[in-house]
Amino acid sequence: MKKKKINIKINNKQITAYEGQSILEAAYFAKIEIPHLCYHPDTCVKANCRLCVVEVEGMNRLPTACSTKVKEGMEIKTHSQRVLSSRKTNLELLFAEHTNKCATCEMRYNCQLLNYAQEYKIKLNTFQERKKNKKKQYFANAIELDNSQCIDCRNCVDICALQEVHYLEVKNRGYKIKIAPKKDKKFECVYCGQCTVHCPVAALQERSEYDKVEKILNNKQDKIVIAQIAPSIRASIGEIFNMPYGKIVTDQLIASLKKLGFDYVFDVNFGADITTIVEANELVERLKKKKVLPMFSSCCPAWVRFVEVYYPEFIPNLTSARSPHIHSGGAVKTYWAGKMELNPKKIVLVSIMPCTAKKFEASREELRVNDLKLVDYVLTTRELGFLLKKNQIDLSKIKAQKVLDPLGVFSGAGAIYGASGGVMESALRTVSHLLGKEKIDFKKARGQEGVKEFKVKIGKKILNTAVVNGLGNAKKILEEIKRGLKKYDYIEFMACPGGCIGGGGQPIPTTPLQRKKRAESLYLIDKKKKIRKAHENEEVLKYLEWLKGQEIEHNLLHTYFKS
């Protein structure tokens, strides 16, 4: 249904808005900047930060643009003297809540709060800091909460509830208010990091490892230091350098990592092709032998932890295939190390991921092979962006460089892993090959919808499938399966909205529009690839053939899960 058009004026400029839009939304689409921090399209409007106050003709008070709906004939001023005075005071009050740690904060090169402070020329210490003695809390090795920097916007609590995890809550009232994890043991963090990517001031952020990686790069001794980049990183990290949403920067990223001091740069898309082949074979086996169905994807570690903590009865439904960066890590420290005549213990492998939960995943004991961690460190998109800026490396200006090593070869199927539906589509391309009726495009798996259900016909076989992103949606589907309301053969689950392109380690902000643009770019890579099916990647097939029959074969390709 078409929305009714409304004519309004913003700063004496006539613009067309739509019924139901807020002033902030109308201004955004008219490319008029109104400062804001607490507003995010993924969460409910709270008007807590009060930076988006505007002046509306006929109103005595200054309303917040995020919570005020447009009306026909409305006249708005976004930068009147009255608005500027109020905005400055609100900023100074926010800095009384947000302890000044700018010099050491990894957000300092991309901090919107700091940018506003500089733009409005405010004093950071006008009011006494009231949270400076608050202590940090750590959620495994994935996330940290620093209440001394929290501005009480409550985005983290809202998104945690939308994820149906409900781990974070607001405690106390008034000046004693704080965000904290629940003490009730039935609530556990799953490390999805949606709280971190929705926090505008780094009060919640990943537990950073960039300093450890930088230390190794600056003093390698006899180490070989390797970086591997996840599928979605190439479509998101450019935003940290003011490049367009979804801009593909694979080759610039490789050059930047080499300039940081990495000896080699590999592509996790190679590992994604391995995961696809292993997962597709497992699905075909389950279908033929009528083993536990539906089969669930397991390459998202926050989703896996969600099952292990909240729905352990569904552990047998998870595919045993390892995730892409663990698969490629295994290939690097066995197959590639052997070819290069290198001691695997001398290799330091760093995964560049869109995800905070990957930090936890890389540390899981069951993913070791020969008592060796396959991935030594995990850096998020944000951490790498910070590291590059800290070292004055501009991704938008550096001369591009290509991966030449065989472990840089990948199919289009590997490229789309970063978007919701990508794992499903990649696997179905190989499943259709295994069942003798090859097909490439499964477009019903694509898109940003939280749940996509569709039937897939491969020869005489009809599969009931679903693609689910966001843990809130995952919970609905699991409950429907438990009650016998829905039957499926295969389901792809991703913890984060939009899949990895909306991961907890991605640039801030990450909005629905950004997720859409990033996904489109990944599908464009796939479309342009000559090889679009994982099972046609000859370098992966060489690796699998080398591995065949070896004692470590099963451990390198499969894993297990536990309640």
Protein backbone atom coordinates (compact mmCIF):
# COMPACT_ATOMS: atom_id res chain seq x y z
CA MET A 1 0.00 0.00 0.00
CA LYS A 2 1.36 3.40 -1.00
CA LYS A 3 2.00 5.84 1.80
CA LYS A 4 0.44 9.29 1.68
CA LYS A 5 2.83 12.06 0.64
CA ILE A 6 3.28 15.00 3.01
CA ASN A 7 4.82 18.39 2.21
CA ILE A 8 7.07 19.87 4.89
CA LYS A 9 9.87 22.41 5.13
CA ILE A 10 13.24 21.74 6.73
CA ASN A 11 15.51 24.78 7.01
CA ASN A 12 13.23 26.60 4.54
CA LYS A 13 13.72 23.83 1.98
CA GLN A 14 10.53 22.26 0.63
CA ILE A 15 10.69 18.46 0.79
CA THR A 16 8.32 15.55 0.33
CA ALA A 17 7.95 13.17 3.25
CA TYR A 18 5.60 10.25 3.85
CA GLU A 19 2.91 9.62 6.43
CA GLY A 20 4.33 7.76 9.42
CA GLN A 21 7.89 8.99 8.94
CA SER A 22 9.70 10.73 11.77
CA ILE A 23 11.37 14.08 11.21
CA LEU A 24 14.73 12.29 11.46
CA GLU A 25 13.80 9.81 8.73
CA ALA A 26 12.40 12.50 6.45
CA ALA A 27 15.56 14.57 6.91
CA TYR A 28 17.79 11.55 6.25
CA PHE A 29 16.17 10.79 2.90
CA ALA A 30 16.38 14.49 2.00
CA LYS A 31 20.12 14.33 2.83
CA ILE A 32 19.78 16.78 5.71
CA GLU A 33 21.99 15.84 8.67
CA ILE A 34 20.47 15.83 12.15
CA PRO A 35 22.88 14.61 14.86
CA HIS A 36 21.78 11.48 16.73
CA LEU A 37 23.28 8.62 18.75
CA CYS A 38 20.60 6.48 20.35
CA TYR A 39 18.44 6.11 17.21
CA HIS A 40 18.88 2.91 15.19
CA PRO A 41 16.37 1.51 12.67
CA ASP A 42 16.74 -1.97 14.18
CA THR A 43 15.53 -0.94 17.64
CA CYS A 44 12.58 0.97 19.09
CA VAL A 45 12.70 4.77 19.34
CA LYS A 46 13.68 5.90 22.83
CA ALA A 47 14.77 9.55 22.43
CA ASN A 48 17.36 9.07 25.20
CA CYS A 49 20.40 10.96 23.88
CA ARG A 50 18.34 14.05 22.87
CA LEU A 51 20.92 15.17 20.33
CA CYS A 52 18.33 15.20 17.57
CA VAL A 53 16.24 18.03 19.07
CA VAL A 54 14.83 20.40 16.45
CA GLU A 55 12.67 23.51 16.43
CA VAL A 56 9.17 23.12 15.01
CA GLU A 57 7.08 26.19 14.28
CA GLY A 58 4.14 26.39 16.64
CA MET A 59 5.71 24.18 19.34
CA ASN A 60 7.14 25.71 22.52
CA ARG A 61 9.37 22.79 23.46
CA LEU A 62 12.16 21.35 21.34
CA PRO A 63 10.97 17.89 20.21
CA THR A 64 13.30 15.04 19.35
CA ALA A 65 13.38 14.38 15.60
CA CYS A 66 13.55 10.59 16.09
CA SER A 67 10.25 10.42 17.98
CA THR A 68 8.22 13.17 16.29
CA LYS A 69 6.12 12.25 13.26
CA VAL A 70 5.89 14.61 10.29
CA LYS A 71 2.66 16.47 9.60
CA GLU A 72 1.43 18.33 6.54
CA GLY A 73 2.85 21.86 6.39
CA MET A 74 5.28 21.33 9.26
CA GLU A 75 8.20 23.80 9.31
CA ILE A 76 11.37 22.59 10.99
CA LYS A 77 14.70 24.17 11.86
CA THR A 78 17.57 21.79 12.59
CA HIS A 79 20.30 24.28 13.50
CA SER A 80 18.64 27.37 15.00
CA GLN A 81 20.42 29.15 17.85
CA ARG A 82 17.99 27.63 20.34
CA VAL A 83 18.60 24.13 18.97
CA LEU A 84 22.39 24.55 18.96
CA SER A 85 22.40 25.72 22.57
CA SER A 86 20.32 22.75 23.69
CA ARG A 87 22.38 20.30 21.64
CA LYS A 88 25.64 21.53 23.15
CA THR A 89 24.28 21.14 26.67
CA ASN A 90 23.04 17.62 25.89
CA LEU A 91 26.45 16.70 24.49
CA GLU A 92 28.19 17.96 27.61
CA LEU A 93 25.79 15.94 29.76
CA LEU A 94 26.52 12.84 27.69
CA PHE A 95 30.23 13.29 28.34
CA ALA A 96 29.46 13.36 32.07
CA GLU A 97 28.23 9.78 31.56
CA HIS A 98 30.91 8.79 29.06
CA THR A 99 34.32 8.68 30.74
CA ASN A 100 36.96 10.22 28.50
CA LYS A 101 39.17 7.37 27.28
CA CYS A 102 39.55 8.73 23.75
CA ALA A 103 43.34 8.42 23.68
CA THR A 104 43.21 4.63 24.09
CA CYS A 105 39.79 3.84 22.59
CA GLU A 106 39.81 1.84 19.37
CA MET A 107 36.73 3.80 18.23
CA ARG A 108 38.63 7.08 18.27
CA TYR A 109 39.10 7.25 14.50
CA ASN A 110 35.41 6.55 13.83
CA CYS A 111 33.64 7.86 16.94
CA GLN A 112 30.47 9.79 16.18
CA LEU A 113 30.25 11.14 19.74
CA LEU A 114 33.78 12.54 19.48
CA ASN A 115 33.01 13.95 16.03
CA TYR A 116 29.99 15.79 17.46
CA ALA A 117 32.09 17.12 20.34
CA GLN A 118 34.56 18.58 17.84
CA GLU A 119 31.83 19.87 15.51
CA TYR A 120 30.00 21.70 18.30
CA LYS A 121 33.21 22.75 20.04
CA ILE A 122 32.13 21.57 23.48
CA LYS A 123 34.21 21.07 26.61
CA LEU A 124 34.44 17.38 27.47
CA ASN A 125 34.70 18.08 31.22
CA THR A 126 31.99 20.71 31.75
CA PHE A 127 30.22 18.35 34.14
CA GLN A 128 31.90 15.93 36.53
CA GLU A 129 32.29 12.38 35.25
CA ARG A 130 29.83 10.28 37.22
CA LYS A 131 30.82 6.79 36.03
CA LYS A 132 34.61 6.82 36.11
CA ASN A 133 34.81 4.16 38.83
CA LYS A 134 32.63 1.61 37.02
CA LYS A 135 34.44 -1.65 36.27
CA LYS A 136 34.57 -3.64 33.05
CA GLN A 137 32.80 -6.96 32.63
CA TYR A 138 33.89 -9.66 30.20
CA PHE A 139 31.78 -12.16 28.28
CA ALA A 140 34.26 -14.98 27.56
CA ASN A 141 36.97 -13.85 25.15
CA ALA A 142 34.42 -12.23 22.82
CA ILE A 143 32.83 -9.09 24.32
CA GLU A 144 33.47 -6.54 27.05
CA LEU A 145 31.10 -4.14 28.80
CA ASP A 146 32.55 -0.89 30.14
CA ASN A 147 29.82 0.90 32.12
CA SER A 148 32.09 3.90 32.61
CA GLN A 149 31.49 4.75 28.95
CA CYS A 150 27.79 3.89 28.78
CA ILE A 151 25.40 6.75 27.92
CA ASP A 152 22.31 4.70 28.86
CA CYS A 153 20.84 4.67 25.35
CA ARG A 154 19.69 1.06 26.00
CA ASN A 155 20.20 -0.07 22.41
CA CYS A 156 22.09 -3.10 23.70
CA VAL A 157 19.21 -4.19 25.93
CA ASP A 158 16.71 -3.75 23.09
CA ILE A 159 18.72 -5.72 20.54
CA CYS A 160 19.50 -8.48 23.07
CA ALA A 161 15.74 -8.83 23.62
CA LEU A 162 15.05 -8.86 19.87
CA GLN A 163 17.61 -11.65 19.62
CA GLU A 164 15.57 -13.54 22.27
CA VAL A 165 18.69 -13.94 24.41
CA HIS A 166 17.64 -11.45 27.11
CA TYR A 167 21.08 -11.54 28.72
CA LEU A 168 21.39 -7.79 29.28
CA GLU A 169 19.08 -5.70 31.43
CA VAL A 170 18.76 -2.23 32.95
CA LYS A 171 19.48 -2.21 36.69
CA ASN A 172 18.65 0.48 39.25
CA ARG A 173 17.18 3.89 38.50
CA GLY A 174 18.23 7.52 38.35
CA TYR A 175 21.94 8.25 38.70
CA LYS A 176 22.59 4.62 39.77
CA ILE A 177 21.27 3.18 36.52
CA LYS A 178 23.52 0.71 34.69
CA ILE A 179 23.48 -2.02 32.05
CA ALA A 180 24.40 -5.46 33.37
CA PRO A 181 24.05 -9.15 32.56
CA LYS A 182 21.29 -11.00 34.38
CA LYS A 183 22.36 -13.06 37.37
CA ASP A 184 19.80 -15.74 36.59
CA LYS A 185 21.88 -18.66 35.25
CA LYS A 186 19.23 -19.63 32.71
CA PHE A 187 20.33 -16.60 30.66
CA GLU A 188 23.67 -16.89 28.88
CA CYS A 189 25.44 -14.68 26.35
CA VAL A 190 25.86 -16.30 22.93
CA TYR A 191 28.50 -13.72 21.83
CA CYS A 192 26.61 -12.64 18.68
CA GLY A 193 27.89 -9.10 19.28
CA GLN A 194 24.71 -7.35 18.19
CA CYS A 195 25.02 -5.31 21.38
CA THR A 196 28.46 -4.10 20.23
CA VAL A 197 27.43 -3.13 16.70
CA HIS A 198 24.41 -1.23 18.09
CA CYS A 199 26.40 0.60 20.80
CA PRO A 200 27.23 4.12 19.55
CA VAL A 201 29.96 4.85 22.12
CA ALA A 202 32.05 1.65 22.54
CA ALA A 203 30.67 0.89 26.01
CA LEU A 204 30.08 -2.56 24.57
CA GLN A 205 32.74 -3.75 22.18
CA GLU A 206 34.68 -6.81 21.12
CA ARG A 207 37.50 -8.01 23.35
CA SER A 208 40.23 -6.65 21.20
CA GLU A 209 43.29 -8.61 20.07
CA TYR A 210 44.71 -6.09 17.61
CA ASP A 211 47.49 -5.14 20.05
CA LYS A 212 48.65 -8.77 20.34
CA VAL A 213 48.64 -9.15 16.55
CA GLU A 214 50.48 -5.86 16.08
CA LYS A 215 53.11 -6.92 18.60
CA ILE A 216 53.76 -10.13 16.65
CA LEU A 217 53.90 -8.24 13.33
CA ASN A 218 56.51 -5.90 14.80
CA ASN A 219 58.61 -8.74 16.22
CA LYS A 220 58.08 -11.88 14.14
CA GLN A 221 61.34 -13.61 15.05
CA ASP A 222 60.92 -16.98 13.29
CA LYS A 223 57.13 -16.76 12.88
CA ILE A 224 55.21 -16.80 9.60
CA VAL A 225 52.22 -14.46 10.08
CA ILE A 226 49.20 -15.02 7.85
CA ALA A 227 45.90 -13.17 7.55
CA GLN A 228 42.74 -14.70 6.09
CA ILE A 229 39.73 -12.57 5.17
CA ALA A 230 36.10 -13.64 5.52
CA PRO A 231 33.64 -13.33 2.60
CA SER A 232 31.74 -10.31 3.93
CA ILE A 233 34.74 -8.20 5.02
CA ARG A 234 35.52 -7.10 1.46
CA ALA A 235 32.04 -5.55 1.16
CA SER A 236 31.98 -3.71 4.50
CA ILE A 237 35.39 -2.48 5.66
CA GLY A 238 35.50 0.24 3.00
CA GLU A 239 32.77 2.08 4.92
CA ILE A 240 35.26 2.77 7.72
CA PHE A 241 37.22 4.74 5.11
CA ASN A 242 34.15 6.65 3.86
CA MET A 243 33.76 4.49 0.78
CA PRO A 244 30.25 3.67 -0.59
CA TYR A 245 28.17 0.99 1.13
CA GLY A 246 29.02 -2.43 -0.27
CA LYS A 247 32.16 -1.29 -2.10
CA ILE A 248 34.28 -4.37 -2.89
CA VAL A 249 37.86 -3.79 -1.71
CA THR A 250 39.38 -7.29 -1.81
CA ASP A 251 42.59 -6.35 -3.59
CA GLN A 252 43.08 -3.13 -1.59
CA LEU A 253 42.54 -5.15 1.58
CA ILE A 254 45.25 -7.62 0.57
CA ALA A 255 47.68 -4.76 -0.14
CA SER A 256 46.85 -3.15 3.21
CA LEU A 257 47.43 -6.36 5.14
CA LYS A 258 50.76 -6.88 3.36
CA LYS A 259 51.74 -3.32 4.28
CA LEU A 260 50.89 -4.05 7.93
CA GLY A 261 53.48 -6.83 7.76
CA PHE A 262 51.54 -10.03 7.09
CA ASP A 263 53.65 -12.51 5.13
CA TYR A 264 50.68 -14.04 3.32
CA VAL A 265 47.02 -13.17 2.83
CA PHE A 266 44.56 -15.99 2.15
CA ASP A 267 40.87 -16.00 1.44
CA VAL A 268 38.35 -17.70 3.73
CA ASN A 269 36.22 -18.21 0.60
CA PHE A 270 38.52 -21.19 0.00
CA GLY A 271 37.38 -22.58 3.35
CA ALA A 272 33.77 -21.77 2.47
CA ASP A 273 34.06 -24.03 -0.56
CA ILE A 274 35.31 -26.83 1.71
CA THR A 275 32.40 -26.27 4.11
CA THR A 276 29.96 -26.35 1.19
CA ILE A 277 31.21 -29.70 -0.09
CA VAL A 278 31.27 -31.31 3.37
CA GLU A 279 27.84 -29.94 4.30
CA ALA A 280 26.25 -30.88 0.97
CA ASN A 281 27.53 -34.44 1.23
CA GLU A 282 26.19 -34.73 4.76
CA LEU A 283 22.76 -33.45 3.70
CA VAL A 284 22.54 -35.95 0.84
CA GLU A 285 23.55 -38.77 3.20
CA ARG A 286 20.92 -37.72 5.76
CA LEU A 287 18.24 -37.55 3.06
CA LYS A 288 19.11 -40.97 1.61
CA LYS A 289 19.42 -42.72 4.96
CA LYS A 290 16.62 -40.69 6.58
CA LYS A 291 18.88 -39.63 9.41
CA VAL A 292 18.08 -36.71 11.75
CA LEU A 293 16.19 -34.02 9.81
CA PRO A 294 15.96 -31.15 9.34
CA MET A 295 19.69 -30.59 9.07
CA PHE A 296 20.81 -27.19 10.40
CA SER A 297 23.78 -25.17 9.15
CA SER A 298 26.50 -24.69 11.79
CA CYS A 299 28.99 -22.17 10.38
CA CYS A 300 27.64 -19.36 12.60
CA PRO A 301 29.20 -19.78 16.08
CA ALA A 302 26.66 -17.57 17.88
CA TRP A 303 23.84 -19.67 16.41
CA VAL A 304 25.65 -22.85 17.48
CA ARG A 305 26.01 -21.51 21.03
CA PHE A 306 22.33 -20.51 21.01
CA VAL A 307 21.46 -24.15 20.30
CA GLU A 308 23.96 -25.52 22.83
CA VAL A 309 22.66 -23.21 25.60
CA TYR A 310 18.95 -22.84 24.91
CA TYR A 311 17.96 -25.75 22.64
CA PRO A 312 20.40 -28.65 23.29
CA GLU A 313 17.78 -31.14 22.07
CA PHE A 314 18.53 -29.86 18.55
CA ILE A 315 22.30 -30.50 18.71
CA PRO A 316 21.95 -33.67 16.55
CA ASN A 317 20.39 -31.52 13.82
CA LEU A 318 23.52 -29.40 13.41
CA THR A 319 25.74 -30.35 10.48
CA SER A 320 29.13 -31.57 11.67
CA ALA A 321 30.90 -29.54 8.97
CA ARG A 322 33.43 -27.10 10.39
CA SER A 323 33.01 -23.40 9.65
CA PRO A 324 34.89 -21.78 6.71
CA HIS A 325 37.71 -20.03 8.62
CA ILE A 326 38.39 -23.17 10.67
CA HIS A 327 38.43 -25.24 7.46
CA SER A 328 40.84 -22.87 5.74
CA GLY A 329 42.90 -22.68 8.94
CA GLY A 330 43.18 -26.45 8.87
CA ALA A 331 44.28 -26.38 5.23
CA VAL A 332 46.92 -23.73 5.99
CA LYS A 333 48.46 -25.56 8.96
CA THR A 334 48.54 -29.00 7.31
CA TYR A 335 48.34 -29.08 3.52
CA TRP A 336 49.90 -25.67 2.75
CA ALA A 337 52.49 -25.91 5.54
CA GLY A 338 53.62 -29.27 4.14
CA LYS A 339 53.91 -27.90 0.61
CA MET A 340 55.96 -24.97 1.88
CA GLU A 341 58.01 -27.19 4.21
CA LEU A 342 57.02 -25.07 7.20
CA ASN A 343 56.55 -26.10 10.82
CA PRO A 344 52.83 -25.45 11.60
CA LYS A 345 53.83 -24.36 15.10
CA LYS A 346 55.70 -21.44 13.51
CA ILE A 347 52.56 -20.21 11.69
CA VAL A 348 50.45 -17.50 13.31
CA LEU A 349 47.08 -17.38 11.58
CA VAL A 350 44.82 -14.36 12.03
CA SER A 351 41.21 -14.46 10.82
CA ILE A 352 39.61 -11.15 9.84
CA MET A 353 35.94 -11.70 10.67
CA PRO A 354 32.63 -9.78 10.72
CA CYS A 355 31.87 -11.50 13.99
CA THR A 356 32.65 -11.35 17.72
CA ALA A 357 31.58 -14.97 18.30
CA LYS A 358 34.38 -16.18 16.01
CA LYS A 359 36.81 -15.22 18.79
CA PHE A 360 35.09 -17.71 21.07
CA GLU A 361 34.84 -20.30 18.29
CA ALA A 362 38.58 -20.16 17.52
CA SER A 363 39.33 -20.96 21.17
CA ARG A 364 37.11 -24.08 21.34
CA GLU A 365 39.14 -27.13 22.33
CA GLU A 366 37.27 -29.50 19.98
CA LEU A 367 38.44 -27.49 16.97
CA ARG A 368 42.12 -28.18 17.65
CA VAL A 369 44.00 -30.70 15.50
CA ASN A 370 47.06 -32.44 16.92
CA ASP A 371 46.63 -30.12 19.94
CA LEU A 372 47.21 -27.15 17.62
CA LYS A 373 44.91 -24.13 17.39
CA LEU A 374 43.99 -23.74 13.73
CA VAL A 375 43.23 -20.02 14.11
CA ASP A 376 45.41 -18.12 16.57
CA TYR A 377 43.70 -14.73 16.62
CA VAL A 378 40.46 -13.24 15.37
CA LEU A 379 40.14 -9.55 14.50
CA THR A 380 36.77 -7.99 13.68
CA THR A 381 36.20 -5.65 10.75
CA ARG A 382 36.32 -2.76 13.23
CA GLU A 383 39.60 -3.91 14.79
CA LEU A 384 41.29 -4.16 11.40
CA GLY A 385 39.91 -0.75 10.40
CA PHE A 386 41.39 0.72 13.58
CA LEU A 387 44.74 -1.03 13.05
CA LEU A 388 44.98 0.32 9.49
CA LYS A 389 44.13 3.87 10.55
CA LYS A 390 46.52 3.66 13.50
CA ASN A 391 49.27 2.79 11.01
CA GLN A 392 48.14 5.51 8.58
CA ILE A 393 47.11 3.05 5.88
CA ASP A 394 44.22 4.42 3.81
CA LEU A 395 42.28 1.58 2.22
CA SER A 396 40.68 3.98 -0.27
CA LYS A 397 44.02 5.11 -1.69
CA ILE A 398 46.32 2.10 -1.53
CA LYS A 399 47.37 0.34 -4.74
CA ALA A 400 45.50 -2.96 -5.14
CA GLN A 401 47.23 -6.35 -4.94
CA LYS A 402 45.86 -9.80 -5.80
CA VAL A 403 46.13 -13.12 -3.96
CA LEU A 404 48.32 -15.42 -6.05
CA ASP A 405 48.50 -18.46 -3.80
CA PRO A 406 46.29 -21.50 -4.53
CA LEU A 407 44.52 -20.94 -1.20
CA GLY A 408 43.19 -17.72 -2.71
CA VAL A 409 41.18 -19.61 -5.33
CA PHE A 410 37.45 -19.72 -4.66
CA SER A 411 34.09 -20.17 -6.36
CA GLY A 412 31.12 -17.84 -6.51
CA ALA A 413 29.48 -20.17 -4.00
CA GLY A 414 32.17 -19.28 -1.45
CA ALA A 415 31.74 -15.54 -2.06
CA ILE A 416 28.05 -15.43 -1.06
CA TYR A 417 28.55 -17.02 2.38
CA GLY A 418 28.49 -13.56 3.92
CA ALA A 419 24.84 -12.90 3.00
CA SER A 420 21.76 -14.52 4.51
CA GLY A 421 20.87 -17.45 2.25
CA GLY A 422 24.39 -17.76 0.87
CA VAL A 423 25.26 -20.95 2.77
CA MET A 424 21.97 -22.53 1.69
CA GLU A 425 22.40 -21.58 -1.96
CA SER A 426 26.04 -22.69 -2.02
CA ALA A 427 25.16 -26.08 -0.54
CA LEU A 428 22.18 -26.58 -2.86
CA ARG A 429 24.38 -26.02 -5.91
CA THR A 430 26.50 -28.99 -4.81
CA VAL A 431 23.50 -31.02 -3.59
CA SER A 432 21.92 -30.66 -7.03
CA HIS A 433 25.18 -31.93 -8.53
CA LEU A 434 25.27 -34.93 -6.18
CA LEU A 435 21.64 -35.78 -6.95
CA GLY A 436 22.28 -35.56 -10.70
CA LYS A 437 20.28 -32.43 -11.56
CA GLU A 438 22.66 -29.46 -11.53
CA LYS A 439 21.32 -25.98 -10.83
CA ILE A 440 23.14 -22.76 -10.00
CA ASP A 441 20.74 -20.05 -8.91
CA PHE A 442 18.43 -20.50 -5.92
CA LYS A 443 17.17 -16.92 -5.73
CA LYS A 444 14.45 -17.67 -3.20
CA ALA A 445 17.24 -18.06 -0.62
CA ARG A 446 18.31 -14.45 -1.16
CA GLY A 447 17.09 -11.28 0.51
CA GLN A 448 17.00 -9.62 3.92
CA GLU A 449 13.75 -11.12 5.23
CA GLY A 450 14.07 -12.70 8.66
CA VAL A 451 12.52 -16.00 7.51
CA LYS A 452 12.41 -17.31 3.94
CA GLU A 453 10.62 -20.63 3.38
CA PHE A 454 10.59 -22.37 0.01
CA LYS A 455 10.53 -25.73 -1.70
CA VAL A 456 13.43 -26.86 -3.87
CA LYS A 457 12.87 -29.39 -6.64
CA ILE A 458 15.98 -31.33 -7.63
CA GLY A 459 15.06 -34.07 -10.12
CA LYS A 460 12.31 -36.07 -8.43
CA LYS A 461 13.34 -34.85 -4.98
CA ILE A 462 11.48 -31.95 -3.32
CA LEU A 463 13.19 -30.38 -0.32
CA ASN A 464 11.43 -28.22 2.25
CA THR A 465 13.94 -25.52 3.15
CA ALA A 466 14.16 -22.32 5.14
CA VAL A 467 16.67 -19.49 5.56
CA VAL A 468 16.57 -17.75 8.94
CA ASN A 469 18.54 -14.76 10.16
CA GLY A 470 18.33 -13.16 13.60
CA LEU A 471 18.07 -15.30 16.72
CA GLY A 472 14.58 -14.00 17.47
CA ASN A 473 13.42 -15.56 14.21
CA ALA A 474 15.44 -18.70 14.93
CA LYS A 475 13.60 -19.18 18.23
CA LYS A 476 10.21 -18.96 16.45
CA ILE A 477 11.21 -21.62 13.92
CA LEU A 478 12.64 -23.95 16.57
CA GLU A 479 9.48 -23.67 18.65
CA GLU A 480 7.33 -24.44 15.59
CA ILE A 481 9.43 -27.52 14.84
CA LYS A 482 9.17 -28.67 18.48
CA ARG A 483 5.38 -28.37 18.36
CA GLY A 484 5.19 -30.22 15.04
CA LEU A 485 3.79 -27.18 13.22
CA LYS A 486 6.52 -27.10 10.56
CA LYS A 487 8.58 -29.75 8.78
CA TYR A 488 11.78 -29.06 6.91
CA ASP A 489 14.66 -30.95 5.37
CA TYR A 490 17.33 -28.26 5.57
CA ILE A 491 17.58 -24.87 7.32
CA GLU A 492 20.24 -22.21 7.23
CA PHE A 493 20.47 -20.24 10.48
CA MET A 494 22.46 -17.04 11.05
CA ALA A 495 22.47 -15.24 14.39
CA CYS A 496 22.78 -11.73 12.99
CA PRO A 497 20.30 -9.71 10.90
CA GLY A 498 21.16 -10.22 7.23
CA GLY A 499 23.77 -12.84 8.09
CA CYS A 500 27.49 -12.05 8.33
CA ILE A 501 27.08 -8.77 6.45
CA GLY A 502 25.24 -7.61 9.59
CA GLY A 503 27.62 -9.32 12.02
CA GLY A 504 28.52 -8.07 15.48
CA GLY A 505 32.03 -7.09 14.38
CA GLN A 506 31.00 -4.96 11.41
CA PRO A 507 31.38 -1.16 11.08
CA ILE A 508 29.21 1.13 13.21
CA PRO A 509 26.55 1.88 12.25
CA THR A 510 25.28 -1.17 10.40
CA THR A 511 21.76 -0.48 9.15
CA PRO A 512 19.28 -2.39 6.95
CA LEU A 513 20.35 -0.29 3.94
CA GLN A 514 24.03 -1.09 4.52
CA ARG A 515 23.28 -4.80 4.92
CA LYS A 516 21.33 -4.76 1.65
CA LYS A 517 24.14 -3.05 -0.28
CA ARG A 518 26.81 -5.39 1.14
CA ALA A 519 24.78 -8.47 0.18
CA GLU A 520 24.23 -7.16 -3.36
CA SER A 521 27.98 -6.78 -3.79
CA LEU A 522 28.66 -10.37 -2.72
CA TYR A 523 26.09 -11.68 -5.22
CA LEU A 524 27.75 -9.55 -7.90
CA ILE A 525 31.10 -11.26 -7.17
CA ASP A 526 29.36 -14.61 -7.55
CA LYS A 527 27.72 -13.60 -10.82
CA LYS A 528 31.05 -12.58 -12.33
CA LYS A 529 32.97 -15.71 -11.29
CA LYS A 530 33.72 -18.33 -13.96
CA ILE A 531 33.49 -21.05 -11.32
CA ARG A 532 30.28 -20.71 -9.32
CA LYS A 533 30.08 -24.14 -7.65
CA ALA A 534 32.27 -25.25 -4.77
CA HIS A 535 32.76 -28.76 -6.17
CA GLU A 536 34.36 -27.24 -9.29
CA ASN A 537 37.12 -25.52 -7.32
CA GLU A 538 40.10 -27.64 -8.41
CA GLU A 539 42.38 -26.36 -5.65
CA VAL A 540 39.87 -27.43 -2.99
CA LEU A 541 39.49 -30.81 -4.69
CA LYS A 542 43.29 -31.23 -4.64
CA TYR A 543 43.29 -30.51 -0.90
CA LEU A 544 40.44 -32.97 -0.23
CA GLU A 545 42.19 -35.63 -2.32
CA TRP A 546 45.44 -35.06 -0.38
CA LEU A 547 43.51 -35.39 2.89
CA LYS A 548 41.61 -38.52 1.89
CA GLY A 549 42.42 -41.56 4.01
CA GLN A 550 44.66 -39.71 6.43
CA GLU A 551 44.19 -40.13 10.17
CA ILE A 552 43.37 -36.42 10.54
CA GLU A 553 40.78 -36.36 7.73
CA HIS A 554 37.67 -36.58 9.90
CA ASN A 555 39.01 -34.13 12.52
CA LEU A 556 39.89 -31.55 9.88
CA LEU A 557 36.52 -31.70 8.14
CA HIS A 558 34.08 -32.35 11.00
CA THR A 559 33.42 -31.24 14.57
CA TYR A 560 30.95 -31.96 17.35
CA PHE A 561 28.80 -29.90 19.70
CA LYS A 562 27.84 -30.20 23.35
CA SER A 563 25.17 -28.96 25.71
